[in-house]
N, C-alpha and C. Protein backbone atom coordinates (compact mmCIF):
# COMPACT_ATOMS: atom_id res chain seq x y z
N SER A 1 -169.18 -56.16 104.85
CA SER A 1 -168.37 -55.13 105.52
C SER A 1 -168.26 -53.92 104.62
N GLN A 2 -168.15 -52.76 105.26
CA GLN A 2 -167.94 -51.55 104.49
C GLN A 2 -166.49 -51.49 104.01
N VAL A 3 -166.31 -50.85 102.86
CA VAL A 3 -164.98 -50.72 102.27
C VAL A 3 -164.69 -49.25 102.04
N PHE A 4 -163.47 -48.83 102.39
CA PHE A 4 -163.06 -47.45 102.21
C PHE A 4 -161.81 -47.41 101.34
N PHE A 5 -161.72 -46.39 100.51
CA PHE A 5 -160.56 -46.20 99.64
C PHE A 5 -159.83 -44.93 100.04
N HIS A 6 -158.52 -45.00 100.09
CA HIS A 6 -157.69 -43.84 100.38
C HIS A 6 -156.71 -43.67 99.22
N PRO A 7 -157.06 -42.89 98.20
CA PRO A 7 -156.18 -42.74 97.03
C PRO A 7 -154.90 -41.99 97.40
N LEU A 8 -153.82 -42.35 96.72
CA LEU A 8 -152.54 -41.66 96.87
C LEU A 8 -152.10 -41.21 95.46
N PRO A 9 -152.66 -40.11 94.97
CA PRO A 9 -152.35 -39.68 93.59
C PRO A 9 -150.86 -39.41 93.42
N GLY A 10 -150.32 -39.91 92.32
CA GLY A 10 -148.93 -39.63 91.98
C GLY A 10 -147.91 -40.44 92.75
N VAL A 11 -148.38 -41.41 93.55
CA VAL A 11 -147.47 -42.23 94.35
C VAL A 11 -147.27 -43.56 93.64
N VAL A 12 -146.01 -43.96 93.50
CA VAL A 12 -145.69 -45.17 92.74
C VAL A 12 -146.02 -46.41 93.55
N ALA A 13 -146.40 -47.48 92.86
CA ALA A 13 -146.69 -48.75 93.53
C ALA A 13 -145.45 -49.24 94.25
N GLY A 14 -145.65 -49.81 95.44
CA GLY A 14 -144.53 -50.32 96.22
C GLY A 14 -143.75 -49.25 96.95
N PHE A 15 -144.33 -48.05 97.11
CA PHE A 15 -143.60 -46.94 97.73
C PHE A 15 -143.17 -47.25 99.15
N HIS A 16 -143.90 -48.14 99.84
CA HIS A 16 -143.61 -48.45 101.24
C HIS A 16 -142.44 -49.40 101.41
N MET A 17 -141.94 -49.98 100.29
CA MET A 17 -140.88 -50.98 100.43
C MET A 17 -139.70 -50.76 99.48
N ARG A 18 -139.81 -49.82 98.55
CA ARG A 18 -138.70 -49.58 97.63
C ARG A 18 -137.57 -48.81 98.31
N PRO A 19 -136.32 -48.93 97.79
CA PRO A 19 -135.20 -48.13 98.32
C PRO A 19 -135.45 -46.64 98.10
N ASP A 20 -134.88 -45.81 98.97
CA ASP A 20 -135.11 -44.37 98.91
C ASP A 20 -134.75 -43.78 97.55
N ASP A 21 -133.65 -44.27 96.95
CA ASP A 21 -133.20 -43.67 95.70
C ASP A 21 -134.08 -44.05 94.51
N HIS A 22 -135.09 -44.90 94.74
CA HIS A 22 -136.05 -45.23 93.68
C HIS A 22 -137.32 -44.40 93.80
N LEU A 23 -137.40 -43.54 94.80
CA LEU A 23 -138.64 -42.84 95.12
C LEU A 23 -138.52 -41.35 94.89
N SER A 24 -139.64 -40.74 94.51
CA SER A 24 -139.71 -39.29 94.38
C SER A 24 -139.99 -38.68 95.75
N ASP A 25 -139.92 -37.35 95.82
CA ASP A 25 -140.25 -36.67 97.07
C ASP A 25 -141.68 -36.95 97.48
N ASN A 26 -142.56 -37.06 96.49
CA ASN A 26 -143.97 -37.37 96.77
C ASN A 26 -144.11 -38.76 97.37
N ASP A 27 -143.35 -39.73 96.83
CA ASP A 27 -143.39 -41.10 97.36
C ASP A 27 -142.86 -41.14 98.79
N LEU A 28 -141.75 -40.45 99.05
CA LEU A 28 -141.15 -40.44 100.38
C LEU A 28 -142.09 -39.81 101.41
N GLU A 29 -142.77 -38.75 100.99
CA GLU A 29 -143.73 -38.10 101.89
C GLU A 29 -144.89 -39.04 102.23
N ALA A 30 -145.36 -39.78 101.22
CA ALA A 30 -146.45 -40.73 101.45
C ALA A 30 -146.02 -41.84 102.40
N ARG A 31 -144.79 -42.30 102.26
CA ARG A 31 -144.29 -43.35 103.15
C ARG A 31 -144.16 -42.84 104.59
N GLU A 32 -143.72 -41.59 104.73
CA GLU A 32 -143.61 -41.00 106.07
C GLU A 32 -144.97 -40.87 106.72
N GLN A 33 -145.99 -40.63 105.91
CA GLN A 33 -147.34 -40.41 106.40
C GLN A 33 -148.09 -41.72 106.62
N LEU A 34 -147.54 -42.83 106.12
CA LEU A 34 -148.27 -44.10 106.12
C LEU A 34 -148.71 -44.55 107.52
N PRO A 35 -147.87 -44.47 108.58
CA PRO A 35 -148.34 -44.91 109.90
C PRO A 35 -149.58 -44.14 110.37
N GLU A 36 -149.60 -42.84 110.12
CA GLU A 36 -150.76 -42.05 110.53
C GLU A 36 -151.99 -42.42 109.69
N ASP A 37 -151.78 -42.69 108.42
CA ASP A 37 -152.90 -43.11 107.57
C ASP A 37 -153.52 -44.41 108.09
N ILE A 38 -152.66 -45.34 108.51
CA ILE A 38 -153.16 -46.61 109.04
C ILE A 38 -153.89 -46.39 110.36
N SER A 39 -153.33 -45.53 111.22
CA SER A 39 -154.00 -45.23 112.49
C SER A 39 -155.36 -44.58 112.25
N ARG A 40 -155.42 -43.69 111.28
CA ARG A 40 -156.69 -43.02 110.96
C ARG A 40 -157.70 -44.03 110.47
N ALA A 41 -157.24 -45.00 109.66
CA ALA A 41 -158.16 -46.03 109.15
C ALA A 41 -158.70 -46.88 110.30
N ILE A 42 -157.83 -47.21 111.26
CA ILE A 42 -158.28 -47.99 112.41
C ILE A 42 -159.33 -47.23 113.21
N ARG A 43 -159.08 -45.94 113.41
CA ARG A 43 -160.07 -45.13 114.16
C ARG A 43 -161.39 -45.06 113.41
N LEU A 44 -161.31 -44.95 112.08
CA LEU A 44 -162.52 -44.88 111.27
C LEU A 44 -163.32 -46.18 111.38
N LEU A 45 -162.63 -47.30 111.32
CA LEU A 45 -163.32 -48.59 111.41
C LEU A 45 -163.90 -48.83 112.80
N SER A 46 -163.25 -48.28 113.83
CA SER A 46 -163.68 -48.54 115.20
C SER A 46 -165.03 -47.89 115.52
N VAL A 47 -165.43 -46.88 114.75
CA VAL A 47 -166.70 -46.20 115.05
C VAL A 47 -167.83 -46.69 114.16
N GLN A 48 -167.56 -47.67 113.32
CA GLN A 48 -168.62 -48.21 112.47
C GLN A 48 -169.54 -49.09 113.29
N GLY A 49 -170.76 -49.20 112.83
CA GLY A 49 -171.74 -50.04 113.50
C GLY A 49 -171.40 -51.51 113.35
N PRO A 50 -172.11 -52.38 114.07
CA PRO A 50 -171.85 -53.82 113.99
C PRO A 50 -172.11 -54.34 112.58
N VAL A 51 -171.32 -55.28 112.20
CA VAL A 51 -171.46 -55.88 110.88
C VAL A 51 -172.47 -57.01 110.96
N GLU A 52 -173.36 -57.08 109.98
CA GLU A 52 -174.35 -58.14 109.95
C GLU A 52 -173.67 -59.49 109.73
N ALA A 53 -174.26 -60.51 110.32
CA ALA A 53 -173.74 -61.86 110.13
C ALA A 53 -173.80 -62.22 108.65
N PRO A 54 -172.75 -62.83 108.12
CA PRO A 54 -172.76 -63.18 106.69
C PRO A 54 -173.83 -64.21 106.38
N LYS A 55 -174.40 -64.08 105.20
CA LYS A 55 -175.38 -65.06 104.75
C LYS A 55 -174.67 -66.32 104.24
N THR A 56 -175.31 -67.43 104.42
CA THR A 56 -174.76 -68.68 103.95
C THR A 56 -174.86 -68.74 102.43
N ILE A 57 -173.73 -69.03 101.79
CA ILE A 57 -173.69 -69.12 100.33
C ILE A 57 -173.24 -70.51 99.96
N ALA A 58 -173.99 -71.15 99.11
CA ALA A 58 -173.65 -72.51 98.69
C ALA A 58 -172.35 -72.50 97.89
N ALA A 59 -171.50 -73.45 98.18
CA ALA A 59 -170.23 -73.54 97.47
C ALA A 59 -170.48 -73.91 96.02
N ALA A 60 -169.76 -73.25 95.12
CA ALA A 60 -169.91 -73.54 93.70
C ALA A 60 -169.26 -74.88 93.36
N GLU A 61 -169.87 -75.58 92.44
CA GLU A 61 -169.29 -76.84 92.00
C GLU A 61 -168.01 -76.57 91.21
N PRO A 62 -166.99 -77.40 91.36
CA PRO A 62 -165.76 -77.23 90.59
C PRO A 62 -166.05 -77.24 89.09
N THR A 63 -165.39 -76.36 88.38
CA THR A 63 -165.60 -76.26 86.94
C THR A 63 -164.66 -77.16 86.16
N GLY A 64 -163.61 -77.67 86.83
CA GLY A 64 -162.65 -78.49 86.12
C GLY A 64 -161.59 -77.68 85.40
N ASP A 65 -161.64 -76.35 85.52
CA ASP A 65 -160.66 -75.48 84.87
C ASP A 65 -159.50 -75.26 85.83
N ASN A 66 -158.48 -76.13 85.76
CA ASN A 66 -157.36 -76.03 86.67
C ASN A 66 -156.51 -74.79 86.43
N SER A 67 -156.55 -74.23 85.21
CA SER A 67 -155.76 -73.03 84.93
C SER A 67 -156.22 -71.87 85.81
N GLN A 68 -157.50 -71.85 86.16
CA GLN A 68 -158.02 -70.81 87.05
C GLN A 68 -157.36 -70.93 88.42
N ARG A 69 -157.21 -72.15 88.91
CA ARG A 69 -156.63 -72.39 90.22
C ARG A 69 -155.21 -71.86 90.30
N TYR A 70 -154.46 -72.02 89.24
CA TYR A 70 -153.06 -71.64 89.25
C TYR A 70 -152.84 -70.25 88.67
N GLY A 71 -153.88 -69.46 88.54
CA GLY A 71 -153.72 -68.07 88.18
C GLY A 71 -153.77 -67.75 86.71
N LEU A 72 -153.65 -68.75 85.84
CA LEU A 72 -153.68 -68.50 84.41
C LEU A 72 -155.11 -68.60 83.91
N LYS A 73 -155.62 -67.48 83.41
CA LYS A 73 -157.00 -67.44 82.96
C LYS A 73 -157.04 -67.20 81.45
N PRO A 74 -157.97 -67.85 80.76
CA PRO A 74 -158.09 -67.62 79.32
C PRO A 74 -158.43 -66.15 79.03
N LEU A 75 -157.85 -65.62 77.98
CA LEU A 75 -158.11 -64.26 77.55
C LEU A 75 -158.71 -64.28 76.15
N GLN A 76 -159.39 -63.20 75.81
CA GLN A 76 -159.94 -63.09 74.47
C GLN A 76 -158.80 -63.00 73.46
N ASN A 77 -159.02 -63.61 72.31
CA ASN A 77 -157.98 -63.62 71.28
C ASN A 77 -157.92 -62.26 70.58
N GLN A 78 -157.38 -61.28 71.31
CA GLN A 78 -157.19 -59.96 70.72
C GLN A 78 -155.70 -59.68 70.56
N ALA A 79 -155.39 -58.81 69.62
CA ALA A 79 -153.99 -58.54 69.29
C ALA A 79 -153.27 -57.88 70.44
N VAL A 80 -152.02 -58.29 70.64
CA VAL A 80 -151.18 -57.67 71.65
C VAL A 80 -150.81 -56.26 71.19
N PRO A 81 -150.91 -55.25 72.06
CA PRO A 81 -150.55 -53.89 71.64
C PRO A 81 -149.07 -53.76 71.31
N LYS A 82 -148.76 -52.94 70.34
CA LYS A 82 -147.37 -52.68 69.97
C LYS A 82 -146.88 -51.46 70.74
N THR A 83 -145.87 -51.67 71.54
CA THR A 83 -145.35 -50.61 72.40
C THR A 83 -143.83 -50.59 72.31
N PRO A 84 -143.22 -49.42 72.15
CA PRO A 84 -141.76 -49.37 72.08
C PRO A 84 -141.12 -49.70 73.43
N LEU A 85 -140.14 -50.58 73.39
CA LEU A 85 -139.38 -50.97 74.57
C LEU A 85 -137.90 -50.80 74.24
N VAL A 86 -137.05 -50.99 75.24
CA VAL A 86 -135.61 -50.95 74.98
C VAL A 86 -134.97 -52.21 75.54
N ASP A 87 -133.88 -52.64 74.91
CA ASP A 87 -133.16 -53.80 75.41
C ASP A 87 -132.13 -53.36 76.43
N LEU A 88 -131.31 -54.28 76.92
CA LEU A 88 -130.36 -53.95 77.97
C LEU A 88 -129.25 -53.02 77.48
N ALA A 89 -129.08 -52.93 76.16
CA ALA A 89 -128.08 -52.02 75.60
C ALA A 89 -128.66 -50.64 75.36
N GLY A 90 -129.95 -50.46 75.67
CA GLY A 90 -130.58 -49.16 75.48
C GLY A 90 -131.11 -48.94 74.08
N LYS A 91 -131.11 -49.97 73.25
CA LYS A 91 -131.61 -49.84 71.88
C LYS A 91 -133.11 -50.14 71.83
N THR A 92 -133.81 -49.41 70.98
CA THR A 92 -135.25 -49.63 70.83
C THR A 92 -135.51 -51.04 70.31
N ALA A 93 -136.48 -51.72 70.93
CA ALA A 93 -136.80 -53.09 70.56
C ALA A 93 -138.30 -53.23 70.38
N GLN A 94 -138.68 -53.94 69.36
CA GLN A 94 -140.09 -54.23 69.11
C GLN A 94 -140.29 -55.73 69.14
N MET A 95 -141.15 -56.21 69.99
CA MET A 95 -141.34 -57.65 70.13
C MET A 95 -141.99 -58.25 68.89
N SER A 96 -141.49 -59.43 68.52
CA SER A 96 -142.07 -60.20 67.42
C SER A 96 -142.35 -61.60 67.93
N TYR A 97 -143.52 -62.12 67.58
CA TYR A 97 -143.94 -63.42 68.12
C TYR A 97 -143.97 -64.51 67.06
N ALA A 98 -143.80 -64.13 65.80
CA ALA A 98 -144.01 -65.06 64.69
C ALA A 98 -143.03 -66.22 64.70
N ASN A 99 -141.83 -66.02 65.25
CA ASN A 99 -140.81 -67.07 65.21
C ASN A 99 -140.96 -68.10 66.34
N ASN A 100 -141.98 -67.92 67.17
CA ASN A 100 -142.18 -68.83 68.30
C ASN A 100 -143.63 -69.30 68.33
N ARG A 101 -143.81 -70.54 68.71
CA ARG A 101 -145.18 -71.05 68.83
C ARG A 101 -145.90 -70.39 69.99
N LEU A 102 -145.15 -70.05 71.06
CA LEU A 102 -145.76 -69.46 72.24
C LEU A 102 -144.73 -68.59 72.94
N SER A 103 -145.15 -67.41 73.36
CA SER A 103 -144.29 -66.50 74.11
C SER A 103 -144.89 -66.25 75.48
N LEU A 104 -144.06 -66.33 76.51
CA LEU A 104 -144.46 -65.98 77.86
C LEU A 104 -143.90 -64.60 78.16
N VAL A 105 -144.78 -63.60 78.27
CA VAL A 105 -144.36 -62.22 78.50
C VAL A 105 -144.66 -61.88 79.96
N SER A 106 -143.63 -61.48 80.70
CA SER A 106 -143.77 -61.23 82.13
C SER A 106 -143.34 -59.82 82.48
N PHE A 107 -144.24 -59.05 83.09
CA PHE A 107 -143.93 -57.73 83.62
C PHE A 107 -143.47 -57.90 85.07
N TRP A 108 -142.32 -57.33 85.44
CA TRP A 108 -141.76 -57.59 86.76
C TRP A 108 -140.92 -56.42 87.24
N ALA A 109 -140.51 -56.50 88.51
CA ALA A 109 -139.60 -55.52 89.10
C ALA A 109 -138.74 -56.24 90.14
N SER A 110 -137.54 -55.75 90.36
CA SER A 110 -136.61 -56.44 91.26
C SER A 110 -137.04 -56.35 92.72
N TRP A 111 -137.85 -55.33 93.07
CA TRP A 111 -138.30 -55.18 94.46
C TRP A 111 -139.54 -56.03 94.76
N CYS A 112 -140.08 -56.70 93.73
CA CYS A 112 -141.32 -57.48 93.85
C CYS A 112 -140.98 -58.91 94.23
N GLU A 113 -141.29 -59.30 95.47
CA GLU A 113 -140.94 -60.63 95.96
C GLU A 113 -141.58 -61.75 95.16
N PRO A 114 -142.89 -61.68 94.82
CA PRO A 114 -143.47 -62.76 94.00
C PRO A 114 -142.81 -62.87 92.62
N CYS A 115 -142.34 -61.73 92.08
CA CYS A 115 -141.64 -61.77 90.79
C CYS A 115 -140.38 -62.61 90.90
N ILE A 116 -139.61 -62.36 91.95
CA ILE A 116 -138.35 -63.08 92.14
C ILE A 116 -138.62 -64.56 92.41
N LYS A 117 -139.67 -64.84 93.16
CA LYS A 117 -139.97 -66.22 93.54
C LYS A 117 -140.27 -67.10 92.32
N GLU A 118 -140.92 -66.53 91.29
CA GLU A 118 -141.31 -67.36 90.15
C GLU A 118 -140.22 -67.49 89.10
N LEU A 119 -139.12 -66.72 89.21
CA LEU A 119 -138.09 -66.75 88.17
C LEU A 119 -137.43 -68.12 87.98
N PRO A 120 -137.06 -68.84 89.06
CA PRO A 120 -136.43 -70.15 88.84
C PRO A 120 -137.31 -71.13 88.07
N SER A 121 -138.59 -71.21 88.43
CA SER A 121 -139.46 -72.15 87.72
C SER A 121 -139.74 -71.65 86.30
N MET A 122 -139.72 -70.33 86.09
CA MET A 122 -139.89 -69.78 84.75
C MET A 122 -138.70 -70.15 83.86
N LYS A 123 -137.51 -70.11 84.45
CA LYS A 123 -136.32 -70.50 83.69
C LYS A 123 -136.37 -71.99 83.35
N ARG A 124 -136.78 -72.82 84.30
CA ARG A 124 -136.89 -74.25 84.01
C ARG A 124 -137.91 -74.50 82.91
N LEU A 125 -138.98 -73.72 82.89
CA LEU A 125 -140.00 -73.86 81.86
C LEU A 125 -139.39 -73.61 80.49
N GLN A 126 -138.64 -72.52 80.36
CA GLN A 126 -138.04 -72.23 79.06
C GLN A 126 -137.00 -73.29 78.69
N ASP A 127 -136.19 -73.71 79.66
CA ASP A 127 -135.19 -74.74 79.38
C ASP A 127 -135.84 -76.01 78.84
N ASP A 128 -137.00 -76.35 79.37
CA ASP A 128 -137.67 -77.60 78.99
C ASP A 128 -138.42 -77.49 77.67
N TYR A 129 -138.87 -76.28 77.31
CA TYR A 129 -139.75 -76.15 76.15
C TYR A 129 -139.22 -75.24 75.05
N GLN A 130 -138.04 -74.70 75.19
CA GLN A 130 -137.57 -73.78 74.15
C GLN A 130 -137.37 -74.50 72.81
N ASP A 131 -137.01 -75.77 72.84
CA ASP A 131 -136.84 -76.51 71.59
C ASP A 131 -138.18 -76.78 70.90
N ARG A 132 -139.27 -76.63 71.64
CA ARG A 132 -140.60 -76.82 71.05
C ARG A 132 -141.26 -75.50 70.68
N GLY A 133 -140.53 -74.39 70.88
CA GLY A 133 -141.04 -73.11 70.40
C GLY A 133 -141.50 -72.15 71.46
N LEU A 134 -141.10 -72.36 72.73
CA LEU A 134 -141.47 -71.42 73.80
C LEU A 134 -140.35 -70.42 74.03
N ARG A 135 -140.70 -69.17 74.20
CA ARG A 135 -139.74 -68.13 74.51
C ARG A 135 -140.28 -67.29 75.66
N VAL A 136 -139.40 -66.94 76.60
CA VAL A 136 -139.77 -66.07 77.71
C VAL A 136 -139.26 -64.66 77.42
N VAL A 137 -140.16 -63.68 77.55
CA VAL A 137 -139.83 -62.27 77.37
C VAL A 137 -140.13 -61.57 78.69
N THR A 138 -139.13 -60.98 79.32
CA THR A 138 -139.37 -60.23 80.55
C THR A 138 -139.34 -58.73 80.24
N ILE A 139 -140.25 -58.01 80.87
CA ILE A 139 -140.31 -56.55 80.71
C ILE A 139 -140.19 -55.93 82.10
N ASN A 140 -139.04 -55.35 82.36
CA ASN A 140 -138.80 -54.71 83.64
C ASN A 140 -139.39 -53.30 83.62
N VAL A 141 -140.02 -52.94 84.71
CA VAL A 141 -140.78 -51.69 84.75
C VAL A 141 -139.99 -50.59 85.45
N ALA A 142 -139.42 -49.69 84.66
CA ALA A 142 -138.88 -48.41 85.14
C ALA A 142 -137.87 -48.53 86.27
N GLU A 143 -136.92 -49.44 86.13
CA GLU A 143 -135.89 -49.59 87.15
C GLU A 143 -134.51 -49.29 86.57
N PRO A 144 -133.55 -48.90 87.43
CA PRO A 144 -132.18 -48.72 86.95
C PRO A 144 -131.62 -50.02 86.38
N LEU A 145 -130.79 -49.90 85.36
CA LEU A 145 -130.25 -51.06 84.67
C LEU A 145 -129.50 -51.98 85.62
N GLU A 146 -128.75 -51.40 86.57
CA GLU A 146 -127.95 -52.25 87.46
C GLU A 146 -128.81 -53.14 88.34
N ASP A 147 -130.02 -52.69 88.69
CA ASP A 147 -130.90 -53.49 89.54
C ASP A 147 -131.40 -54.74 88.81
N LEU A 148 -131.87 -54.55 87.57
CA LEU A 148 -132.39 -55.72 86.85
C LEU A 148 -131.24 -56.59 86.35
N GLN A 149 -130.09 -55.99 86.03
CA GLN A 149 -128.95 -56.79 85.59
C GLN A 149 -128.48 -57.72 86.71
N ALA A 150 -128.55 -57.24 87.95
CA ALA A 150 -128.16 -58.07 89.09
C ALA A 150 -129.04 -59.30 89.20
N ILE A 151 -130.33 -59.15 88.94
CA ILE A 151 -131.25 -60.29 89.00
C ILE A 151 -131.00 -61.24 87.84
N ILE A 152 -130.77 -60.68 86.65
CA ILE A 152 -130.49 -61.51 85.48
C ILE A 152 -129.25 -62.38 85.73
N ASP A 153 -128.21 -61.77 86.30
CA ASP A 153 -126.98 -62.51 86.57
C ASP A 153 -127.20 -63.55 87.69
N ARG A 154 -127.95 -63.16 88.71
CA ARG A 154 -128.16 -64.05 89.85
C ARG A 154 -128.88 -65.32 89.44
N PHE A 155 -129.90 -65.20 88.58
CA PHE A 155 -130.71 -66.36 88.20
C PHE A 155 -130.35 -66.90 86.82
N GLU A 156 -129.30 -66.35 86.21
CA GLU A 156 -128.82 -66.81 84.90
C GLU A 156 -129.93 -66.75 83.86
N LEU A 157 -130.49 -65.56 83.69
CA LEU A 157 -131.63 -65.36 82.79
C LEU A 157 -131.21 -64.80 81.44
N GLN A 158 -129.96 -64.99 81.07
CA GLN A 158 -129.46 -64.44 79.81
C GLN A 158 -130.15 -65.05 78.59
N THR A 159 -130.75 -66.24 78.76
CA THR A 159 -131.46 -66.86 77.63
C THR A 159 -132.84 -66.25 77.41
N PHE A 160 -133.33 -65.47 78.36
CA PHE A 160 -134.59 -64.76 78.17
C PHE A 160 -134.38 -63.57 77.22
N VAL A 161 -135.47 -63.08 76.65
CA VAL A 161 -135.43 -61.79 75.96
C VAL A 161 -135.78 -60.75 77.03
N ASN A 162 -134.77 -60.03 77.53
CA ASN A 162 -134.95 -59.11 78.64
C ASN A 162 -135.07 -57.68 78.12
N LEU A 163 -136.24 -57.08 78.34
CA LEU A 163 -136.53 -55.74 77.84
C LEU A 163 -136.90 -54.82 79.00
N ARG A 164 -136.95 -53.50 78.70
CA ARG A 164 -137.23 -52.51 79.74
C ARG A 164 -138.34 -51.58 79.27
N ASP A 165 -139.24 -51.27 80.19
CA ASP A 165 -140.32 -50.30 79.95
C ASP A 165 -139.98 -49.06 80.76
N LEU A 166 -139.17 -48.18 80.19
CA LEU A 166 -138.57 -47.08 80.95
C LEU A 166 -139.60 -46.06 81.43
N GLU A 167 -140.60 -45.78 80.63
CA GLU A 167 -141.58 -44.74 80.97
C GLU A 167 -142.91 -45.33 81.42
N GLY A 168 -143.01 -46.65 81.50
CA GLY A 168 -144.27 -47.27 81.92
C GLY A 168 -145.34 -47.28 80.84
N GLU A 169 -144.95 -47.01 79.59
CA GLU A 169 -145.94 -46.94 78.51
C GLU A 169 -146.55 -48.32 78.23
N ALA A 170 -145.68 -49.34 78.17
CA ALA A 170 -146.19 -50.69 77.92
C ALA A 170 -147.07 -51.16 79.07
N THR A 171 -146.68 -50.80 80.29
CA THR A 171 -147.48 -51.17 81.46
C THR A 171 -148.90 -50.65 81.34
N GLN A 172 -149.06 -49.45 80.81
CA GLN A 172 -150.39 -48.86 80.65
C GLN A 172 -151.14 -49.49 79.49
N THR A 173 -150.48 -49.65 78.34
CA THR A 173 -151.20 -50.17 77.17
C THR A 173 -151.57 -51.64 77.33
N TRP A 174 -150.82 -52.37 78.15
CA TRP A 174 -151.14 -53.78 78.41
C TRP A 174 -152.07 -53.92 79.63
N ASN A 175 -152.47 -52.81 80.23
CA ASN A 175 -153.37 -52.81 81.40
C ASN A 175 -152.79 -53.61 82.56
N VAL A 176 -151.51 -53.41 82.83
CA VAL A 176 -150.84 -54.07 83.95
C VAL A 176 -150.99 -53.20 85.19
N TYR A 177 -151.54 -53.77 86.26
CA TYR A 177 -151.70 -53.00 87.50
C TYR A 177 -151.22 -53.77 88.72
N GLY A 178 -150.51 -54.84 88.53
CA GLY A 178 -149.92 -55.59 89.62
C GLY A 178 -148.74 -56.38 89.10
N TYR A 179 -147.83 -56.74 90.01
CA TYR A 179 -146.62 -57.45 89.59
C TYR A 179 -146.44 -58.73 90.40
N PRO A 180 -145.98 -59.79 89.76
CA PRO A 180 -145.80 -59.89 88.30
C PRO A 180 -147.13 -60.06 87.59
N THR A 181 -147.18 -59.64 86.33
CA THR A 181 -148.30 -59.95 85.46
C THR A 181 -147.73 -60.71 84.27
N ASN A 182 -148.31 -61.87 83.98
CA ASN A 182 -147.80 -62.74 82.92
C ASN A 182 -148.85 -62.93 81.83
N PHE A 183 -148.37 -62.99 80.60
CA PHE A 183 -149.24 -63.25 79.46
C PHE A 183 -148.64 -64.35 78.61
N LEU A 184 -149.50 -65.24 78.12
CA LEU A 184 -149.12 -66.20 77.10
C LEU A 184 -149.63 -65.67 75.76
N VAL A 185 -148.72 -65.53 74.80
CA VAL A 185 -149.03 -64.91 73.52
C VAL A 185 -148.75 -65.90 72.40
N THR A 186 -149.68 -66.03 71.48
CA THR A 186 -149.55 -66.99 70.38
C THR A 186 -148.62 -66.43 69.30
N ALA A 187 -148.28 -67.30 68.34
CA ALA A 187 -147.41 -66.89 67.23
C ALA A 187 -148.07 -65.82 66.37
N ASP A 188 -149.40 -65.73 66.44
CA ASP A 188 -150.13 -64.70 65.69
C ASP A 188 -150.13 -63.36 66.41
N GLY A 189 -149.48 -63.29 67.57
CA GLY A 189 -149.44 -62.04 68.31
C GLY A 189 -150.74 -61.73 69.02
N GLU A 190 -151.44 -62.78 69.48
CA GLU A 190 -152.70 -62.60 70.20
C GLU A 190 -152.60 -63.16 71.60
N PHE A 191 -153.32 -62.54 72.54
CA PHE A 191 -153.36 -63.03 73.91
C PHE A 191 -154.02 -64.40 73.95
N SER A 192 -153.46 -65.30 74.76
CA SER A 192 -154.06 -66.61 74.99
C SER A 192 -154.51 -66.74 76.44
N HIS A 193 -153.60 -66.55 77.39
CA HIS A 193 -153.89 -66.63 78.81
C HIS A 193 -153.12 -65.54 79.54
N GLY A 194 -153.56 -65.23 80.76
CA GLY A 194 -152.86 -64.24 81.56
C GLY A 194 -153.04 -64.50 83.04
N SER A 195 -152.15 -63.92 83.83
CA SER A 195 -152.24 -64.04 85.28
C SER A 195 -151.76 -62.76 85.93
N ILE A 196 -152.39 -62.40 87.05
CA ILE A 196 -151.91 -61.31 87.90
C ILE A 196 -151.38 -61.98 89.16
N GLY A 197 -150.09 -61.85 89.41
CA GLY A 197 -149.47 -62.56 90.51
C GLY A 197 -148.61 -63.70 89.98
N GLY A 198 -147.74 -64.21 90.86
CA GLY A 198 -146.80 -65.22 90.45
C GLY A 198 -147.45 -66.55 90.12
N VAL A 199 -146.79 -67.32 89.27
CA VAL A 199 -147.24 -68.64 88.86
C VAL A 199 -146.13 -69.63 89.17
N GLU A 200 -146.49 -70.80 89.65
CA GLU A 200 -145.51 -71.87 89.83
C GLU A 200 -145.46 -72.66 88.53
N TRP A 201 -144.45 -72.37 87.71
CA TRP A 201 -144.39 -72.90 86.36
C TRP A 201 -144.01 -74.38 86.30
N ASP A 202 -143.68 -74.96 87.45
CA ASP A 202 -143.39 -76.40 87.50
C ASP A 202 -144.64 -77.24 87.73
N GLU A 203 -145.75 -76.63 88.12
CA GLU A 203 -146.95 -77.39 88.43
C GLU A 203 -147.43 -78.18 87.21
N ALA A 204 -147.90 -79.40 87.46
CA ALA A 204 -148.31 -80.28 86.37
C ALA A 204 -149.42 -79.66 85.53
N GLU A 205 -150.38 -79.00 86.19
CA GLU A 205 -151.50 -78.41 85.47
C GLU A 205 -151.03 -77.28 84.54
N VAL A 206 -150.05 -76.51 85.03
CA VAL A 206 -149.50 -75.43 84.21
C VAL A 206 -148.75 -76.02 83.02
N ARG A 207 -147.94 -77.04 83.26
CA ARG A 207 -147.19 -77.67 82.18
C ARG A 207 -148.15 -78.27 81.14
N THR A 208 -149.24 -78.85 81.60
CA THR A 208 -150.22 -79.41 80.67
C THR A 208 -150.81 -78.34 79.77
N LEU A 209 -151.11 -77.18 80.36
CA LEU A 209 -151.63 -76.06 79.57
C LEU A 209 -150.60 -75.61 78.54
N ILE A 210 -149.35 -75.45 78.97
CA ILE A 210 -148.29 -75.01 78.05
C ILE A 210 -148.16 -75.99 76.87
N GLU A 211 -148.17 -77.28 77.19
CA GLU A 211 -148.02 -78.29 76.14
C GLU A 211 -149.19 -78.25 75.17
N SER A 212 -150.39 -78.01 75.68
CA SER A 212 -151.56 -77.95 74.80
C SER A 212 -151.47 -76.75 73.84
N LEU A 213 -150.88 -75.65 74.32
CA LEU A 213 -150.75 -74.46 73.48
C LEU A 213 -149.60 -74.59 72.49
N LEU A 214 -148.62 -75.42 72.81
CA LEU A 214 -147.52 -75.65 71.89
C LEU A 214 -147.89 -76.66 70.81
């Protein structure tokens, strides 16, 4: 099938679902225009020629890598970028990994449904493994303090290291382009595994991976 791209320069991710007071004039204009953009796309697709029948492709044999199935993929052992963040008190914070065998770093936002969905199992993961050296670090992306504080209180996430990326600098240097994005970071400050999208942290395969890294 043919694929078409419709860029929206300067429009923030999630513009179609965020509250009005989180959006710029540019975002609001894009949301107002969205129904017409969708109608235009439908008209464009309706005049395309017939699509060729798909070719038969042999199914690949299972690789046995269950971490792939659950979204956690091995990453190259490269150093995690150092980026200034702030804590909930507004003080500059620099993450340190040396005191933990493994850190789970999660980029999230309160308007992101998959982010919220994975928080309970993420909390259970830390509760179960914090004595063995696991720490959860959350990085909220450019949201008002009251929004993320409400989520922290709702899910009792005070035991997490909760940080804020006010200007989106960490989001860029870590190459985050979807939410939630999770990284497993070793005590040496190197990437181990990562996922784009939510993870069910209670799954046996995920727990087995965590235990192997600890």
